[in-house]
């Protein structure tokens, strides 16, 4: 088993944190997205969509999409549980994971793609659109702060994949998309300090 990874991208980091929380040791191979190495014929044969991460199994099977890979690993290694213990629990965690993924992480990604020099030669950028996405990120951070309230974690009383996605999304928004964290968002700051202090955050 091997993971094709890229240290600077959010979805590979999401998988790395998940793997670390499970206490697994899976070999990785770095594939430089910024240099286009994820779109070589060799890598496209592993994942025609061209994205990372990709999990390569010993029998030659390739799995892409970070959450799909996490679900596979959860089935092999159910403890600690990160994706739900029963159908109700799974649905609530998935609901929150998707809310953060579609609302915050996706907007941060669009802001980065349309305003960063790295993407000038790779897509037609619309800087004004990128700025609107930064505004969307700011709104999503405010919304997430309100939703967290006094809860210890995003989807309930324990750390789950929803927290992993949110942690990655917040860090990507601040560090890569250039959206500052509003110091008035006390709930978000408390939660972020808690998840960022876990050993898996360094993965």
N, C-alpha and C. Protein backbone atom coordinates (compact mmCIF):
# COMPACT_ATOMS: atom_id res chain seq x y z
N UNK A 1 0.84 -1.19 0.00
CA UNK A 1 0.00 0.00 0.00
C UNK A 1 0.89 1.25 0.00
N UNK A 2 0.50 2.26 -0.80
CA UNK A 2 1.27 3.49 -0.90
C UNK A 2 0.33 4.65 -1.20
N UNK A 3 0.67 5.82 -0.69
CA UNK A 3 -0.12 7.02 -0.95
C UNK A 3 0.71 7.98 -1.80
N UNK A 4 0.13 8.43 -2.90
CA UNK A 4 0.73 9.50 -3.69
C UNK A 4 0.21 10.82 -3.10
N UNK A 5 1.14 11.65 -2.69
CA UNK A 5 0.86 12.77 -1.80
C UNK A 5 1.47 14.04 -2.37
N UNK A 6 1.00 15.19 -1.86
CA UNK A 6 1.68 16.46 -2.12
C UNK A 6 1.53 17.30 -0.86
N UNK A 7 2.64 17.65 -0.26
CA UNK A 7 2.63 18.23 1.09
C UNK A 7 1.89 19.55 1.19
N UNK A 8 1.79 20.32 0.10
CA UNK A 8 1.22 21.66 0.17
C UNK A 8 -0.27 21.73 -0.18
N UNK A 9 -0.85 20.62 -0.59
CA UNK A 9 -2.25 20.62 -1.02
C UNK A 9 -3.18 20.20 0.12
N UNK A 10 -4.39 20.76 0.17
CA UNK A 10 -5.29 20.48 1.30
C UNK A 10 -5.84 19.06 1.36
N UNK A 11 -6.23 18.49 0.22
CA UNK A 11 -6.83 17.15 0.28
C UNK A 11 -5.82 16.07 0.67
N UNK A 12 -4.60 16.08 0.16
CA UNK A 12 -3.61 15.14 0.68
C UNK A 12 -3.36 15.32 2.18
N UNK A 13 -3.37 16.57 2.64
CA UNK A 13 -3.19 16.78 4.09
C UNK A 13 -4.36 16.19 4.87
N UNK A 14 -5.54 16.32 4.33
CA UNK A 14 -6.71 15.73 4.99
C UNK A 14 -6.51 14.23 5.22
N UNK A 15 -5.99 13.55 4.20
CA UNK A 15 -5.73 12.13 4.33
C UNK A 15 -4.59 11.86 5.31
N UNK A 16 -3.54 12.68 5.28
CA UNK A 16 -2.42 12.46 6.20
C UNK A 16 -2.87 12.57 7.66
N UNK A 17 -3.73 13.55 7.95
CA UNK A 17 -4.22 13.69 9.33
C UNK A 17 -5.05 12.48 9.71
N UNK A 18 -5.91 12.03 8.81
CA UNK A 18 -6.74 10.85 9.07
C UNK A 18 -5.87 9.64 9.36
N UNK A 19 -4.86 9.42 8.54
CA UNK A 19 -3.94 8.28 8.72
C UNK A 19 -3.22 8.40 10.06
N UNK A 20 -2.79 9.61 10.41
CA UNK A 20 -2.09 9.81 11.68
C UNK A 20 -3.02 9.54 12.87
N UNK A 21 -4.27 9.98 12.77
CA UNK A 21 -5.23 9.72 13.85
C UNK A 21 -5.47 8.22 14.04
N UNK A 22 -5.39 7.47 12.95
CA UNK A 22 -5.56 6.02 13.02
C UNK A 22 -4.30 5.32 13.53
N UNK A 23 -3.19 6.05 13.59
CA UNK A 23 -1.94 5.44 14.01
C UNK A 23 -1.34 4.53 12.96
N UNK A 24 -1.65 4.78 11.68
CA UNK A 24 -1.17 3.93 10.60
C UNK A 24 0.14 4.46 10.04
N UNK A 25 0.93 3.59 9.50
CA UNK A 25 2.16 3.96 8.81
C UNK A 25 2.05 3.47 7.37
N UNK A 26 1.77 4.38 6.46
CA UNK A 26 1.63 4.05 5.05
C UNK A 26 2.68 4.83 4.26
N UNK A 27 3.52 4.16 3.48
CA UNK A 27 4.53 4.88 2.70
C UNK A 27 3.89 5.89 1.76
N UNK A 28 4.57 7.00 1.56
CA UNK A 28 4.08 8.04 0.65
C UNK A 28 5.12 8.37 -0.41
N UNK A 29 4.63 8.84 -1.53
CA UNK A 29 5.49 9.35 -2.59
C UNK A 29 4.99 10.74 -2.98
N UNK A 30 5.87 11.72 -2.92
CA UNK A 30 5.50 13.09 -3.24
C UNK A 30 5.37 13.28 -4.76
N UNK A 31 4.28 13.93 -5.16
CA UNK A 31 4.01 14.24 -6.56
C UNK A 31 3.73 15.74 -6.62
N UNK A 32 4.61 16.50 -7.26
CA UNK A 32 4.55 17.96 -7.24
C UNK A 32 3.43 18.47 -8.16
N UNK A 33 2.33 18.88 -7.55
CA UNK A 33 1.20 19.42 -8.32
C UNK A 33 1.59 20.71 -9.04
N UNK A 34 2.34 21.56 -8.35
CA UNK A 34 2.70 22.85 -8.94
C UNK A 34 3.55 22.70 -10.20
N UNK A 35 4.30 21.60 -10.27
CA UNK A 35 5.12 21.33 -11.46
C UNK A 35 4.37 20.47 -12.48
N UNK A 36 3.10 20.15 -12.19
CA UNK A 36 2.29 19.37 -13.12
C UNK A 36 2.59 17.88 -13.12
N UNK A 37 3.30 17.40 -12.11
CA UNK A 37 3.67 15.98 -12.08
C UNK A 37 2.46 15.07 -11.86
N UNK A 38 1.36 15.63 -11.37
CA UNK A 38 0.15 14.83 -11.18
C UNK A 38 -0.59 14.57 -12.49
N UNK A 39 -0.14 15.20 -13.57
CA UNK A 39 -0.82 15.04 -14.86
C UNK A 39 0.07 14.38 -15.91
N UNK A 40 1.08 13.68 -15.46
CA UNK A 40 1.87 12.87 -16.39
C UNK A 40 1.05 11.66 -16.80
N UNK A 41 1.37 11.03 -17.93
CA UNK A 41 0.64 9.82 -18.33
C UNK A 41 0.64 8.74 -17.23
N UNK A 42 1.74 8.63 -16.52
CA UNK A 42 1.83 7.61 -15.45
C UNK A 42 0.82 7.89 -14.35
N UNK A 43 0.72 9.17 -13.91
CA UNK A 43 -0.20 9.50 -12.83
C UNK A 43 -1.65 9.49 -13.30
N UNK A 44 -1.90 9.92 -14.55
CA UNK A 44 -3.27 9.89 -15.06
C UNK A 44 -3.78 8.47 -15.24
N UNK A 45 -2.87 7.52 -15.42
CA UNK A 45 -3.28 6.12 -15.47
C UNK A 45 -3.75 5.65 -14.09
N UNK A 46 -3.23 6.27 -13.05
CA UNK A 46 -3.64 5.93 -11.68
C UNK A 46 -4.91 6.67 -11.27
N UNK A 47 -5.03 7.93 -11.73
CA UNK A 47 -6.22 8.73 -11.44
C UNK A 47 -6.51 9.63 -12.64
N UNK A 48 -7.44 9.25 -13.50
CA UNK A 48 -7.73 10.03 -14.71
C UNK A 48 -8.17 11.47 -14.41
N UNK A 49 -8.67 11.73 -13.20
CA UNK A 49 -9.07 13.09 -12.84
C UNK A 49 -7.87 13.97 -12.53
N UNK A 50 -6.72 13.36 -12.32
CA UNK A 50 -5.49 14.12 -12.13
C UNK A 50 -5.26 14.67 -10.75
N UNK A 51 -6.13 14.36 -9.81
CA UNK A 51 -5.98 14.92 -8.46
C UNK A 51 -5.19 14.03 -7.52
N UNK A 52 -4.87 14.60 -6.37
CA UNK A 52 -4.23 13.88 -5.29
C UNK A 52 -5.06 14.11 -4.03
N UNK A 53 -5.00 13.13 -3.11
CA UNK A 53 -4.14 11.95 -3.04
C UNK A 53 -4.69 10.79 -3.86
N UNK A 54 -3.80 9.80 -4.04
CA UNK A 54 -4.18 8.52 -4.63
C UNK A 54 -3.62 7.43 -3.74
N UNK A 55 -4.46 6.45 -3.42
CA UNK A 55 -4.01 5.29 -2.66
C UNK A 55 -3.80 4.14 -3.62
N UNK A 56 -2.62 3.55 -3.58
CA UNK A 56 -2.29 2.40 -4.42
C UNK A 56 -2.25 1.16 -3.54
N UNK A 57 -3.08 0.18 -3.86
CA UNK A 57 -3.11 -1.07 -3.11
C UNK A 57 -2.09 -2.04 -3.66
N UNK A 58 -1.80 -3.06 -2.87
CA UNK A 58 -0.79 -4.04 -3.28
C UNK A 58 -1.19 -4.82 -4.53
N UNK A 59 -2.51 -4.91 -4.80
CA UNK A 59 -2.95 -5.65 -5.99
C UNK A 59 -3.02 -4.76 -7.23
N UNK A 60 -2.57 -3.50 -7.10
CA UNK A 60 -2.56 -2.59 -8.23
C UNK A 60 -3.78 -1.70 -8.36
N UNK A 61 -4.76 -1.87 -7.47
CA UNK A 61 -5.94 -1.01 -7.47
C UNK A 61 -5.54 0.40 -7.04
N UNK A 62 -6.17 1.39 -7.67
CA UNK A 62 -5.92 2.78 -7.29
C UNK A 62 -7.24 3.44 -6.86
N UNK A 63 -7.20 4.12 -5.74
CA UNK A 63 -8.34 4.86 -5.23
C UNK A 63 -7.97 6.33 -5.11
N UNK A 64 -8.86 7.20 -5.57
CA UNK A 64 -8.66 8.63 -5.45
C UNK A 64 -9.80 9.23 -4.63
N UNK A 65 -9.70 10.53 -4.37
CA UNK A 65 -10.64 11.31 -3.56
C UNK A 65 -10.38 11.00 -2.08
N UNK A 66 -10.00 12.02 -1.35
CA UNK A 66 -9.52 11.82 0.02
C UNK A 66 -10.55 11.17 0.93
N UNK A 67 -11.81 11.58 0.85
CA UNK A 67 -12.81 11.02 1.75
C UNK A 67 -13.09 9.56 1.39
N UNK A 68 -13.08 9.23 0.10
CA UNK A 68 -13.27 7.84 -0.31
C UNK A 68 -12.15 6.95 0.24
N UNK A 69 -10.92 7.46 0.19
CA UNK A 69 -9.79 6.71 0.73
C UNK A 69 -9.94 6.56 2.25
N UNK A 70 -10.36 7.63 2.90
CA UNK A 70 -10.56 7.57 4.35
C UNK A 70 -11.62 6.52 4.70
N UNK A 71 -12.68 6.46 3.91
CA UNK A 71 -13.73 5.47 4.18
C UNK A 71 -13.19 4.05 4.04
N UNK A 72 -12.34 3.83 3.05
CA UNK A 72 -11.72 2.51 2.88
C UNK A 72 -10.87 2.16 4.10
N UNK A 73 -10.05 3.11 4.54
CA UNK A 73 -9.17 2.86 5.68
C UNK A 73 -9.96 2.70 6.97
N UNK A 74 -11.07 3.42 7.09
CA UNK A 74 -11.94 3.27 8.27
C UNK A 74 -12.50 1.86 8.34
N UNK A 75 -12.83 1.29 7.18
CA UNK A 75 -13.33 -0.08 7.16
C UNK A 75 -12.29 -1.09 7.59
N UNK A 76 -11.04 -0.83 7.22
CA UNK A 76 -9.96 -1.74 7.61
C UNK A 76 -9.54 -1.55 9.07
N UNK A 77 -9.62 -0.31 9.52
CA UNK A 77 -9.14 0.04 10.87
C UNK A 77 -10.21 0.89 11.55
N UNK A 78 -11.25 0.26 12.11
CA UNK A 78 -12.39 1.02 12.61
C UNK A 78 -12.14 1.83 13.89
N UNK A 79 -11.03 1.58 14.56
CA UNK A 79 -10.74 2.31 15.78
C UNK A 79 -9.44 3.10 15.64
N UNK A 80 -9.42 4.35 16.10
CA UNK A 80 -10.56 5.11 16.64
C UNK A 80 -11.55 5.47 15.53
N UNK A 81 -12.81 5.49 15.90
CA UNK A 81 -13.84 5.77 14.91
C UNK A 81 -13.83 7.24 14.54
N UNK A 82 -13.76 7.53 13.25
CA UNK A 82 -13.72 8.91 12.77
C UNK A 82 -14.84 9.25 11.80
N UNK A 83 -15.64 8.24 11.41
CA UNK A 83 -16.65 8.49 10.38
C UNK A 83 -18.05 8.05 10.78
N UNK A 84 -18.23 7.65 12.04
CA UNK A 84 -19.57 7.31 12.52
C UNK A 84 -19.70 5.87 12.95
N UNK A 85 -20.35 5.67 14.08
CA UNK A 85 -20.48 4.32 14.65
C UNK A 85 -21.75 3.60 14.21
N UNK A 86 -22.74 4.34 13.77
CA UNK A 86 -23.98 3.75 13.24
C UNK A 86 -24.52 4.69 12.17
N UNK A 87 -25.63 4.34 11.56
CA UNK A 87 -26.12 5.13 10.43
C UNK A 87 -26.45 6.57 10.82
N UNK A 88 -27.01 6.77 12.01
CA UNK A 88 -27.32 8.12 12.46
C UNK A 88 -26.04 8.93 12.65
N UNK A 89 -25.10 8.35 13.35
CA UNK A 89 -23.82 9.01 13.61
C UNK A 89 -23.09 9.31 12.29
N UNK A 90 -23.09 8.34 11.40
CA UNK A 90 -22.43 8.52 10.10
C UNK A 90 -23.06 9.67 9.32
N UNK A 91 -24.38 9.75 9.36
CA UNK A 91 -25.08 10.79 8.59
C UNK A 91 -24.80 12.18 9.14
N UNK A 92 -24.76 12.32 10.45
CA UNK A 92 -24.48 13.63 11.06
C UNK A 92 -23.05 14.06 10.75
N UNK A 93 -22.10 13.13 10.86
CA UNK A 93 -20.71 13.46 10.56
C UNK A 93 -20.55 13.81 9.09
N UNK A 94 -21.20 13.04 8.21
CA UNK A 94 -21.13 13.32 6.78
C UNK A 94 -21.76 14.67 6.45
N UNK A 95 -22.86 14.99 7.12
CA UNK A 95 -23.52 16.28 6.91
C UNK A 95 -22.56 17.42 7.21
N UNK A 96 -21.90 17.37 8.34
CA UNK A 96 -20.98 18.43 8.71
C UNK A 96 -19.73 18.44 7.85
N UNK A 97 -19.26 17.28 7.50
CA UNK A 97 -18.09 17.21 6.64
C UNK A 97 -18.38 17.86 5.29
N UNK A 98 -19.55 17.59 4.72
CA UNK A 98 -19.91 18.16 3.43
C UNK A 98 -20.15 19.66 3.53
N UNK A 99 -20.76 20.11 4.61
CA UNK A 99 -20.99 21.54 4.79
C UNK A 99 -19.66 22.31 4.77
N UNK A 100 -18.69 21.78 5.50
CA UNK A 100 -17.39 22.45 5.56
C UNK A 100 -16.66 22.32 4.23
N UNK A 101 -16.74 21.16 3.63
CA UNK A 101 -16.05 20.91 2.37
C UNK A 101 -16.59 21.80 1.25
N UNK A 102 -17.90 21.85 1.09
CA UNK A 102 -18.51 22.60 0.00
C UNK A 102 -18.55 24.10 0.28
N UNK A 103 -18.76 24.47 1.54
CA UNK A 103 -18.89 25.87 1.87
C UNK A 103 -17.58 26.60 2.06
N UNK A 104 -16.68 26.00 2.84
CA UNK A 104 -15.44 26.69 3.22
C UNK A 104 -14.24 26.25 2.39
N UNK A 105 -13.98 24.96 2.34
CA UNK A 105 -12.78 24.49 1.63
C UNK A 105 -12.85 24.80 0.14
N UNK A 106 -14.01 24.59 -0.47
CA UNK A 106 -14.14 24.85 -1.91
C UNK A 106 -13.97 26.33 -2.22
N UNK A 107 -14.54 27.21 -1.40
CA UNK A 107 -14.40 28.65 -1.62
C UNK A 107 -12.95 29.09 -1.46
N UNK A 108 -12.27 28.55 -0.46
CA UNK A 108 -10.85 28.88 -0.26
C UNK A 108 -10.02 28.42 -1.46
N UNK A 109 -10.35 27.25 -2.00
CA UNK A 109 -9.65 26.76 -3.18
C UNK A 109 -9.84 27.65 -4.38
N UNK A 110 -11.07 28.12 -4.59
CA UNK A 110 -11.34 29.01 -5.73
C UNK A 110 -10.64 30.36 -5.55
N UNK A 111 -10.61 30.86 -4.32
CA UNK A 111 -9.91 32.12 -4.05
C UNK A 111 -8.43 31.98 -4.37
N UNK A 112 -7.85 30.88 -3.97
CA UNK A 112 -6.43 30.63 -4.22
C UNK A 112 -6.14 30.50 -5.72
N UNK A 113 -6.96 29.73 -6.41
CA UNK A 113 -6.74 29.49 -7.83
C UNK A 113 -6.84 30.76 -8.67
N UNK A 114 -7.74 31.65 -8.29
CA UNK A 114 -8.01 32.82 -9.13
C UNK A 114 -7.21 34.07 -8.73
N UNK A 115 -6.40 33.96 -7.67
CA UNK A 115 -5.62 35.13 -7.25
C UNK A 115 -4.13 34.84 -7.10
N UNK A 116 -3.73 33.59 -7.17
CA UNK A 116 -2.33 33.25 -6.94
C UNK A 116 -1.56 33.11 -8.25
N UNK A 117 -0.34 33.61 -8.27
CA UNK A 117 0.51 33.57 -9.47
C UNK A 117 0.74 32.14 -9.96
N UNK A 118 0.72 31.17 -9.06
CA UNK A 118 1.01 29.79 -9.43
C UNK A 118 0.05 29.26 -10.50
N UNK A 119 -1.16 29.84 -10.54
CA UNK A 119 -2.18 29.31 -11.45
C UNK A 119 -2.32 30.12 -12.73
N UNK A 120 -1.50 31.15 -12.90
CA UNK A 120 -1.64 32.00 -14.08
C UNK A 120 -1.50 31.24 -15.39
N UNK A 121 -0.58 30.29 -15.42
CA UNK A 121 -0.33 29.54 -16.65
C UNK A 121 -1.19 28.29 -16.75
N UNK A 122 -1.99 28.02 -15.73
CA UNK A 122 -2.73 26.76 -15.70
C UNK A 122 -4.22 26.93 -15.95
N UNK A 123 -4.76 28.12 -15.67
CA UNK A 123 -6.18 28.35 -15.94
C UNK A 123 -6.41 29.83 -16.19
N UNK A 124 -7.55 30.14 -16.78
CA UNK A 124 -7.91 31.54 -17.00
C UNK A 124 -8.41 32.11 -15.68
N UNK A 125 -7.62 32.99 -15.11
CA UNK A 125 -7.97 33.53 -13.81
C UNK A 125 -8.94 34.71 -13.93
N UNK A 126 -9.81 34.82 -12.94
CA UNK A 126 -10.71 35.95 -12.81
C UNK A 126 -10.49 36.52 -11.41
N UNK A 127 -9.53 37.44 -11.28
CA UNK A 127 -9.16 37.95 -9.95
C UNK A 127 -10.34 38.52 -9.16
N UNK A 128 -11.25 39.20 -9.85
CA UNK A 128 -12.40 39.75 -9.13
C UNK A 128 -13.25 38.63 -8.53
N UNK A 129 -13.40 37.55 -9.30
CA UNK A 129 -14.12 36.38 -8.77
C UNK A 129 -13.37 35.81 -7.57
N UNK A 130 -12.04 35.76 -7.67
CA UNK A 130 -11.25 35.27 -6.54
C UNK A 130 -11.49 36.10 -5.29
N UNK A 131 -11.62 37.41 -5.46
CA UNK A 131 -11.89 38.27 -4.31
C UNK A 131 -13.28 38.00 -3.73
N UNK A 132 -14.25 37.73 -4.60
CA UNK A 132 -15.58 37.40 -4.08
C UNK A 132 -15.53 36.10 -3.28
N UNK A 133 -14.64 35.18 -3.70
CA UNK A 133 -14.52 33.92 -2.97
C UNK A 133 -13.83 34.12 -1.63
N UNK A 134 -12.91 35.08 -1.56
CA UNK A 134 -12.33 35.43 -0.25
C UNK A 134 -13.43 35.95 0.69
N UNK A 135 -14.32 36.76 0.14
CA UNK A 135 -15.44 37.26 0.94
C UNK A 135 -16.34 36.11 1.39
N UNK A 136 -16.53 35.14 0.49
CA UNK A 136 -17.33 33.97 0.85
C UNK A 136 -16.67 33.18 1.97
N UNK A 137 -15.35 33.07 1.92
CA UNK A 137 -14.61 32.38 2.99
C UNK A 137 -14.82 33.09 4.32
N UNK A 138 -14.72 34.42 4.31
CA UNK A 138 -14.93 35.19 5.53
C UNK A 138 -16.32 34.92 6.11
N UNK A 139 -17.32 34.87 5.24
CA UNK A 139 -18.69 34.60 5.70
C UNK A 139 -18.81 33.18 6.24
N UNK A 140 -18.15 32.24 5.59
CA UNK A 140 -18.20 30.85 6.05
C UNK A 140 -17.52 30.68 7.41
N UNK A 141 -16.43 31.40 7.64
CA UNK A 141 -15.76 31.34 8.93
C UNK A 141 -16.67 31.89 10.03
N UNK A 142 -17.38 32.97 9.73
CA UNK A 142 -18.33 33.53 10.70
C UNK A 142 -19.45 32.54 10.98
N UNK A 143 -19.95 31.90 9.92
CA UNK A 143 -21.02 30.91 10.08
C UNK A 143 -20.54 29.72 10.92
N UNK A 144 -19.33 29.26 10.63
CA UNK A 144 -18.81 28.11 11.36
C UNK A 144 -18.60 28.44 12.83
N UNK A 145 -18.15 29.65 13.12
CA UNK A 145 -17.99 30.09 14.50
C UNK A 145 -19.32 29.99 15.25
N UNK A 146 -20.38 30.45 14.60
CA UNK A 146 -21.70 30.40 15.23
C UNK A 146 -22.19 28.97 15.42
N UNK A 147 -21.90 28.11 14.44
CA UNK A 147 -22.35 26.72 14.52
C UNK A 147 -21.59 25.94 15.59
N UNK A 148 -20.32 26.25 15.75
CA UNK A 148 -19.53 25.55 16.78
C UNK A 148 -20.06 25.90 18.16
N UNK A 149 -20.31 27.18 18.39
CA UNK A 149 -20.81 27.59 19.70
C UNK A 149 -19.91 27.08 20.80
N UNK A 150 -20.48 26.39 21.75
CA UNK A 150 -19.70 25.84 22.87
C UNK A 150 -19.32 24.38 22.66
N UNK A 151 -19.63 23.84 21.49
CA UNK A 151 -19.32 22.43 21.24
C UNK A 151 -17.80 22.21 21.21
N UNK A 152 -17.33 21.05 21.65
CA UNK A 152 -15.90 20.78 21.58
C UNK A 152 -15.42 20.45 20.17
N UNK A 153 -16.32 19.86 19.37
CA UNK A 153 -15.94 19.44 18.02
C UNK A 153 -17.06 19.79 17.04
N UNK A 154 -16.74 19.69 15.74
CA UNK A 154 -17.66 20.13 14.70
C UNK A 154 -18.96 19.35 14.69
N UNK A 155 -18.86 18.03 14.77
CA UNK A 155 -20.04 17.18 14.59
C UNK A 155 -20.55 16.54 15.88
N UNK A 156 -20.07 16.99 17.03
CA UNK A 156 -20.55 16.40 18.27
C UNK A 156 -19.52 16.46 19.38
N UNK A 157 -19.45 15.37 20.14
CA UNK A 157 -18.62 15.39 21.34
C UNK A 157 -17.26 14.70 21.16
N UNK A 158 -16.91 14.33 19.91
CA UNK A 158 -15.61 13.71 19.70
C UNK A 158 -15.03 14.16 18.35
N UNK A 159 -13.75 14.00 18.21
CA UNK A 159 -13.02 14.36 16.99
C UNK A 159 -13.38 13.40 15.87
N UNK A 160 -13.73 13.96 14.69
CA UNK A 160 -14.10 13.13 13.54
C UNK A 160 -13.50 13.71 12.27
N UNK A 161 -13.82 13.07 11.15
CA UNK A 161 -13.35 13.57 9.86
C UNK A 161 -13.88 14.97 9.58
N UNK A 162 -15.01 15.35 10.16
CA UNK A 162 -15.52 16.71 9.98
C UNK A 162 -14.54 17.73 10.56
N UNK A 163 -13.92 17.40 11.68
CA UNK A 163 -12.91 18.28 12.26
C UNK A 163 -11.65 18.32 11.40
N UNK A 164 -11.31 17.19 10.83
CA UNK A 164 -10.14 17.15 9.94
C UNK A 164 -10.36 18.07 8.74
N UNK A 165 -11.51 17.95 8.11
CA UNK A 165 -11.82 18.78 6.95
C UNK A 165 -11.84 20.26 7.33
N UNK A 166 -12.44 20.57 8.47
CA UNK A 166 -12.51 21.96 8.91
C UNK A 166 -11.12 22.50 9.26
N UNK A 167 -10.32 21.69 9.91
CA UNK A 167 -8.95 22.12 10.24
C UNK A 167 -8.16 22.44 8.98
N UNK A 168 -8.22 21.55 8.01
CA UNK A 168 -7.52 21.75 6.74
C UNK A 168 -8.07 22.98 6.01
N UNK A 169 -9.38 23.14 6.02
CA UNK A 169 -10.01 24.26 5.32
C UNK A 169 -9.61 25.59 5.94
N UNK A 170 -9.65 25.68 7.26
CA UNK A 170 -9.28 26.92 7.94
C UNK A 170 -7.82 27.26 7.68
N UNK A 171 -6.94 26.28 7.83
CA UNK A 171 -5.51 26.53 7.61
C UNK A 171 -5.24 26.94 6.17
N UNK A 172 -5.90 26.28 5.22
CA UNK A 172 -5.70 26.62 3.81
C UNK A 172 -6.21 28.03 3.52
N UNK A 173 -7.36 28.38 4.08
CA UNK A 173 -7.93 29.70 3.87
C UNK A 173 -6.99 30.79 4.36
N UNK A 174 -6.41 30.59 5.54
CA UNK A 174 -5.54 31.60 6.14
C UNK A 174 -4.17 31.63 5.47
N UNK A 175 -3.56 30.45 5.31
CA UNK A 175 -2.17 30.37 4.87
C UNK A 175 -2.00 30.49 3.35
N UNK A 176 -2.95 29.99 2.58
CA UNK A 176 -2.80 29.94 1.13
C UNK A 176 -3.74 30.91 0.40
N UNK A 177 -4.96 31.04 0.88
CA UNK A 177 -5.92 31.92 0.21
C UNK A 177 -5.86 33.34 0.73
N UNK A 178 -5.09 33.56 1.80
CA UNK A 178 -4.89 34.92 2.29
C UNK A 178 -6.07 35.55 2.98
N UNK A 179 -6.89 34.74 3.64
CA UNK A 179 -8.04 35.26 4.38
C UNK A 179 -7.68 35.28 5.87
N UNK A 180 -7.56 36.44 6.48
CA UNK A 180 -7.16 36.49 7.89
C UNK A 180 -8.25 35.95 8.80
N UNK A 181 -7.83 35.36 9.91
CA UNK A 181 -8.78 34.87 10.90
C UNK A 181 -9.22 36.06 11.77
N UNK A 182 -10.50 36.32 11.80
CA UNK A 182 -11.03 37.40 12.62
C UNK A 182 -10.88 37.04 14.09
N UNK A 183 -10.14 37.83 14.89
CA UNK A 183 -9.94 37.50 16.30
C UNK A 183 -11.22 37.49 17.12
N UNK A 184 -12.29 38.07 16.55
CA UNK A 184 -13.57 38.08 17.27
C UNK A 184 -14.28 36.73 17.22
N UNK A 185 -13.80 35.82 16.36
CA UNK A 185 -14.43 34.50 16.24
C UNK A 185 -13.89 33.58 17.33
N UNK A 186 -14.37 33.80 18.55
CA UNK A 186 -13.81 33.10 19.71
C UNK A 186 -14.06 31.61 19.70
N UNK A 187 -15.23 31.19 19.25
CA UNK A 187 -15.54 29.75 19.23
C UNK A 187 -14.64 29.02 18.24
N UNK A 188 -14.48 29.63 17.08
CA UNK A 188 -13.62 29.03 16.05
C UNK A 188 -12.18 28.98 16.53
N UNK A 189 -11.72 30.05 17.16
CA UNK A 189 -10.34 30.09 17.66
C UNK A 189 -10.10 29.02 18.73
N UNK A 190 -11.06 28.86 19.64
CA UNK A 190 -10.93 27.84 20.69
C UNK A 190 -10.87 26.44 20.08
N UNK A 191 -11.80 26.19 19.17
CA UNK A 191 -11.81 24.87 18.51
C UNK A 191 -10.52 24.64 17.73
N UNK A 192 -10.08 25.65 16.97
CA UNK A 192 -8.89 25.49 16.14
C UNK A 192 -7.65 25.25 16.99
N UNK A 193 -7.54 25.94 18.10
CA UNK A 193 -6.40 25.72 18.99
C UNK A 193 -6.38 24.28 19.50
N UNK A 194 -7.57 23.75 19.77
CA UNK A 194 -7.68 22.38 20.27
C UNK A 194 -7.25 21.36 19.22
N UNK A 195 -7.76 21.49 17.99
CA UNK A 195 -7.41 20.49 16.97
C UNK A 195 -5.97 20.66 16.49
N UNK A 196 -5.49 21.91 16.47
CA UNK A 196 -4.12 22.16 16.02
C UNK A 196 -3.08 21.63 17.00
N UNK A 197 -3.50 21.40 18.24
CA UNK A 197 -2.58 20.87 19.26
C UNK A 197 -2.47 19.35 19.22
N UNK A 198 -3.29 18.70 18.41
CA UNK A 198 -3.21 17.23 18.31
C UNK A 198 -1.98 16.86 17.49
N UNK A 199 -1.31 15.77 17.84
CA UNK A 199 -0.12 15.35 17.07
C UNK A 199 -0.38 15.19 15.58
N UNK A 200 -1.61 14.78 15.21
CA UNK A 200 -1.93 14.55 13.81
C UNK A 200 -1.88 15.82 12.98
N UNK A 201 -2.02 16.99 13.62
CA UNK A 201 -2.00 18.26 12.88
C UNK A 201 -0.66 18.51 12.22
N UNK A 202 0.39 17.84 12.70
CA UNK A 202 1.73 18.03 12.13
C UNK A 202 1.98 17.08 10.95
N UNK A 203 1.00 16.24 10.63
CA UNK A 203 1.18 15.23 9.58
C UNK A 203 1.33 15.90 8.22
